[in-house]
């Protein structure tokens, strides 16, 4: 990897986006099941949740492909199709608690295992088919 000293290196990810086909189901899953703090919903276009110091953006892809309607917020059209992925940080004990909680909600576990680094991961699917991973923070350390 080439390091260029005059280009600033980002210090984190402020937001990440997933695309869903049913915003109400997504809001229920992330808000009610995962208990994330909802910070904004705009009609059938998007719902946003706080995750620590970051924000998880859930978009209806059909709506985000439309040109911006507000000249004060000229966000360019964007979107994706098909399942995406997000990984949320939990401790090992919290992952075990989350697994039980998800199973209580009848949400099947796709996988749970320990990586060669020793970090544990738990994978489930949201209602849109996106892969939602819960992992210990030292996964990439």
C-alpha atoms as a PDB file:
ATOM      1  CA  UNK A   1       0.000   0.000   0.000  1.00  0.00           C
ATOM      2  CA  UNK A   2       1.349   3.390  -0.987  1.00  0.00           C
ATOM      3  CA  UNK A   3       1.314   6.002   1.781  1.00  0.00           C
ATOM      4  CA  UNK A   4       0.989   9.586   0.619  1.00  0.00           C
ATOM      5  CA  UNK A   5       1.749  12.029   3.466  1.00  0.00           C
ATOM      6  CA  UNK A   6      -0.206  14.964   1.987  1.00  0.00           C
ATOM      7  CA  UNK A   7      -3.495  13.023   1.832  1.00  0.00           C
ATOM      8  CA  UNK A   8      -5.370  12.887   5.170  1.00  0.00           C
ATOM      9  CA  UNK A   9      -6.226   9.404   6.427  1.00  0.00           C
ATOM     10  CA  UNK A  10      -9.822   9.006   7.640  1.00  0.00           C
ATOM     11  CA  UNK A  11     -10.033   8.114  11.331  1.00  0.00           C
ATOM     12  CA  UNK A  12     -13.212   6.059  11.209  1.00  0.00           C
ATOM     13  CA  UNK A  13     -16.458   5.276   9.461  1.00  0.00           C
ATOM     14  CA  UNK A  14     -19.143   7.832  10.230  1.00  0.00           C
ATOM     15  CA  UNK A  15     -21.968   5.949   8.568  1.00  0.00           C
ATOM     16  CA  UNK A  16     -22.682   2.748   6.707  1.00  0.00           C
ATOM     17  CA  UNK A  17     -25.673   1.992   4.483  1.00  0.00           C
ATOM     18  CA  UNK A  18     -27.780  -1.066   3.831  1.00  0.00           C
ATOM     19  CA  UNK A  19     -30.610  -1.249   1.339  1.00  0.00           C
ATOM     20  CA  UNK A  20     -33.944  -2.821   2.215  1.00  0.00           C
ATOM     21  CA  UNK A  21     -37.180  -3.517   0.407  1.00  0.00           C
ATOM     22  CA  UNK A  22     -39.526  -2.999   3.390  1.00  0.00           C
ATOM     23  CA  UNK A  23     -38.658  -0.048   5.618  1.00  0.00           C
ATOM     24  CA  UNK A  24     -41.258  -0.991   8.252  1.00  0.00           C
ATOM     25  CA  UNK A  25     -39.770  -4.487   8.672  1.00  0.00           C
ATOM     26  CA  UNK A  26     -36.255  -3.032   8.783  1.00  0.00           C
ATOM     27  CA  UNK A  27     -37.306  -0.482  11.409  1.00  0.00           C
ATOM     28  CA  UNK A  28     -38.825  -3.260  13.531  1.00  0.00           C
ATOM     29  CA  UNK A  29     -35.729  -5.470  13.230  1.00  0.00           C
ATOM     30  CA  UNK A  30     -33.110  -2.822  13.985  1.00  0.00           C
ATOM     31  CA  UNK A  31     -35.245  -0.811  16.420  1.00  0.00           C
ATOM     32  CA  UNK A  32     -37.309  -3.426  18.270  1.00  0.00           C
ATOM     33  CA  UNK A  33     -35.212  -6.595  17.942  1.00  0.00           C
ATOM     34  CA  UNK A  34     -31.694  -5.095  18.085  1.00  0.00           C
ATOM     35  CA  UNK A  35     -32.802  -2.136  20.250  1.00  0.00           C
ATOM     36  CA  UNK A  36     -30.795   0.421  18.266  1.00  0.00           C
ATOM     37  CA  UNK A  37     -31.665   4.081  18.846  1.00  0.00           C
ATOM     38  CA  UNK A  38     -33.673   5.444  15.909  1.00  0.00           C
ATOM     39  CA  UNK A  39     -32.583   8.970  15.056  1.00  0.00           C
ATOM     40  CA  UNK A  40     -34.593   9.680  11.910  1.00  0.00           C
ATOM     41  CA  UNK A  41     -37.181   8.300   9.522  1.00  0.00           C
ATOM     42  CA  UNK A  42     -38.197  10.005   6.291  1.00  0.00           C
ATOM     43  CA  UNK A  43     -41.411   8.520   4.932  1.00  0.00           C
ATOM     44  CA  UNK A  44     -40.640   5.424   2.840  1.00  0.00           C
ATOM     45  CA  UNK A  45     -37.138   6.656   1.868  1.00  0.00           C
ATOM     46  CA  UNK A  46     -34.952   5.864   4.873  1.00  0.00           C
ATOM     47  CA  UNK A  47     -34.608   5.149   8.572  1.00  0.00           C
ATOM     48  CA  UNK A  48     -31.379   5.882  10.463  1.00  0.00           C
ATOM     49  CA  UNK A  49     -30.088   4.302  13.703  1.00  0.00           C
ATOM     50  CA  UNK A  50     -27.273   5.286  16.035  1.00  0.00           C
ATOM     51  CA  UNK A  51     -24.589   2.628  16.631  1.00  0.00           C
ATOM     52  CA  UNK A  52     -22.065   3.980  19.117  1.00  0.00           C
ATOM     53  CA  UNK A  53     -20.389   6.937  17.405  1.00  0.00           C
ATOM     54  CA  UNK A  54     -21.599   5.856  13.956  1.00  0.00           C
ATOM     55  CA  UNK A  55     -24.916   5.770  12.134  1.00  0.00           C
ATOM     56  CA  UNK A  56     -26.482   2.841  10.296  1.00  0.00           C
ATOM     57  CA  UNK A  57     -28.444   4.125   7.311  1.00  0.00           C
ATOM     58  CA  UNK A  58     -31.241   1.894   6.003  1.00  0.00           C
ATOM     59  CA  UNK A  59     -32.492   2.997   2.610  1.00  0.00           C
ATOM     60  CA  UNK A  60     -35.316   1.946   0.352  1.00  0.00           C
ATOM     61  CA  UNK A  61     -33.244   1.541  -2.822  1.00  0.00           C
ATOM     62  CA  UNK A  62     -36.155   2.520  -5.099  1.00  0.00           C
ATOM     63  CA  UNK A  63     -36.414   5.879  -3.322  1.00  0.00           C
ATOM     64  CA  UNK A  64     -32.677   6.659  -3.158  1.00  0.00           C
ATOM     65  CA  UNK A  65     -32.319   6.138  -6.905  1.00  0.00           C
ATOM     66  CA  UNK A  66     -34.559   9.184  -7.483  1.00  0.00           C
ATOM     67  CA  UNK A  67     -32.958  12.606  -7.996  1.00  0.00           C
ATOM     68  CA  UNK A  68     -32.890  14.821  -4.893  1.00  0.00           C
ATOM     69  CA  UNK A  69     -36.073  16.787  -4.284  1.00  0.00           C
ATOM     70  CA  UNK A  70     -34.608  19.297  -1.852  1.00  0.00           C
ATOM     71  CA  UNK A  71     -32.101  21.793  -3.312  1.00  0.00           C
ATOM     72  CA  UNK A  72     -30.745  22.460   0.190  1.00  0.00           C
ATOM     73  CA  UNK A  73     -29.763  18.756   0.523  1.00  0.00           C
ATOM     74  CA  UNK A  74     -28.546  17.738  -2.939  1.00  0.00           C
ATOM     75  CA  UNK A  75     -27.583  14.160  -2.018  1.00  0.00           C
ATOM     76  CA  UNK A  76     -26.883  12.422  -5.326  1.00  0.00           C
ATOM     77  CA  UNK A  77     -28.941   9.370  -6.245  1.00  0.00           C
ATOM     78  CA  UNK A  78     -27.406   6.130  -5.006  1.00  0.00           C
ATOM     79  CA  UNK A  79     -28.386   2.620  -4.091  1.00  0.00           C
ATOM     80  CA  UNK A  80     -27.561  -1.019  -4.282  1.00  0.00           C
ATOM     81  CA  UNK A  81     -29.418  -4.230  -4.939  1.00  0.00           C
ATOM     82  CA  UNK A  82     -28.956  -7.531  -3.208  1.00  0.00           C
ATOM     83  CA  UNK A  83     -27.796  -8.389   0.282  1.00  0.00           C
ATOM     84  CA  UNK A  84     -25.160  -6.276   1.974  1.00  0.00           C
ATOM     85  CA  UNK A  85     -23.229  -6.723   5.207  1.00  0.00           C
ATOM     86  CA  UNK A  86     -22.688  -4.836   8.441  1.00  0.00           C
ATOM     87  CA  UNK A  87     -20.681  -5.875  11.490  1.00  0.00           C
ATOM     88  CA  UNK A  88     -21.608  -4.537  14.930  1.00  0.00           C
ATOM     89  CA  UNK A  89     -19.220  -4.716  17.891  1.00  0.00           C
ATOM     90  CA  UNK A  90     -20.157  -6.706  20.999  1.00  0.00           C
ATOM     91  CA  UNK A  91     -18.129  -8.435  23.687  1.00  0.00           C
ATOM     92  CA  UNK A  92     -18.038 -12.241  23.783  1.00  0.00           C
ATOM     93  CA  UNK A  93     -20.554 -12.316  26.646  1.00  0.00           C
ATOM     94  CA  UNK A  94     -22.811  -9.874  24.796  1.00  0.00           C
ATOM     95  CA  UNK A  95     -22.637 -12.035  21.663  1.00  0.00           C
ATOM     96  CA  UNK A  96     -23.869 -15.016  23.698  1.00  0.00           C
ATOM     97  CA  UNK A  97     -26.697 -12.894  25.130  1.00  0.00           C
ATOM     98  CA  UNK A  98     -27.576 -11.561  21.661  1.00  0.00           C
ATOM     99  CA  UNK A  99     -27.687 -15.104  20.249  1.00  0.00           C
ATOM    100  CA  UNK A 100     -30.257 -16.144  22.857  1.00  0.00           C
ATOM    101  CA  UNK A 101     -32.216 -12.927  22.303  1.00  0.00           C
ATOM    102  CA  UNK A 102     -32.326 -13.434  18.526  1.00  0.00           C
ATOM    103  CA  UNK A 103     -33.417 -17.044  18.889  1.00  0.00           C
ATOM    104  CA  UNK A 104     -36.169 -15.881  21.282  1.00  0.00           C
ATOM    105  CA  UNK A 105     -37.361 -13.646  18.415  1.00  0.00           C
ATOM    106  CA  UNK A 106     -37.240 -16.699  16.072  1.00  0.00           C
ATOM    107  CA  UNK A 107     -34.377 -15.218  14.077  1.00  0.00           C
ATOM    108  CA  UNK A 108     -32.173 -18.053  12.828  1.00  0.00           C
ATOM    109  CA  UNK A 109     -28.420 -17.919  13.308  1.00  0.00           C
ATOM    110  CA  UNK A 110     -26.487 -18.301  10.043  1.00  0.00           C
ATOM    111  CA  UNK A 111     -23.168 -18.968  11.779  1.00  0.00           C
ATOM    112  CA  UNK A 112     -21.248 -18.529  15.008  1.00  0.00           C
ATOM    113  CA  UNK A 113     -17.549 -19.268  15.309  1.00  0.00           C
ATOM    114  CA  UNK A 114     -14.167 -18.044  16.517  1.00  0.00           C
ATOM    115  CA  UNK A 115     -11.729 -16.552  14.001  1.00  0.00           C
ATOM    116  CA  UNK A 116      -8.000 -17.455  14.000  1.00  0.00           C
ATOM    117  CA  UNK A 117      -7.471 -14.147  15.856  1.00  0.00           C
ATOM    118  CA  UNK A 118      -9.609 -15.540  18.689  1.00  0.00           C
ATOM    119  CA  UNK A 119     -12.487 -13.116  18.050  1.00  0.00           C
ATOM    120  CA  UNK A 120     -15.986 -14.543  18.020  1.00  0.00           C
ATOM    121  CA  UNK A 121     -18.572 -13.707  15.330  1.00  0.00           C
ATOM    122  CA  UNK A 122     -22.301 -14.330  15.147  1.00  0.00           C
ATOM    123  CA  UNK A 123     -24.173 -13.915  11.857  1.00  0.00           C
ATOM    124  CA  UNK A 124     -27.902 -13.478  11.195  1.00  0.00           C
ATOM    125  CA  UNK A 125     -29.989 -12.027   8.347  1.00  0.00           C
ATOM    126  CA  UNK A 126     -32.232  -8.990   8.559  1.00  0.00           C
ATOM    127  CA  UNK A 127     -35.679  -9.123   6.877  1.00  0.00           C
ATOM    128  CA  UNK A 128     -34.162  -7.866   3.584  1.00  0.00           C
ATOM    129  CA  UNK A 129     -31.532 -10.635   3.565  1.00  0.00           C
ATOM    130  CA  UNK A 130     -28.605  -8.417   4.606  1.00  0.00           C
ATOM    131  CA  UNK A 131     -25.916 -10.193   6.613  1.00  0.00           C
ATOM    132  CA  UNK A 132     -25.702  -8.749  10.141  1.00  0.00           C
ATOM    133  CA  UNK A 133     -22.599  -9.778  12.043  1.00  0.00           C
ATOM    134  CA  UNK A 134     -21.864  -9.250  15.721  1.00  0.00           C
ATOM    135  CA  UNK A 135     -18.158  -9.552  16.476  1.00  0.00           C
ATOM    136  CA  UNK A 136     -15.612  -8.806  19.143  1.00  0.00           C
ATOM    137  CA  UNK A 137     -13.666  -5.607  18.501  1.00  0.00           C
ATOM    138  CA  UNK A 138     -10.298  -7.341  18.226  1.00  0.00           C
ATOM    139  CA  UNK A 139     -11.381  -9.206  15.063  1.00  0.00           C
ATOM    140  CA  UNK A 140      -9.172  -6.962  12.911  1.00  0.00           C
ATOM    141  CA  UNK A 141      -6.518  -6.177  15.521  1.00  0.00           C
END
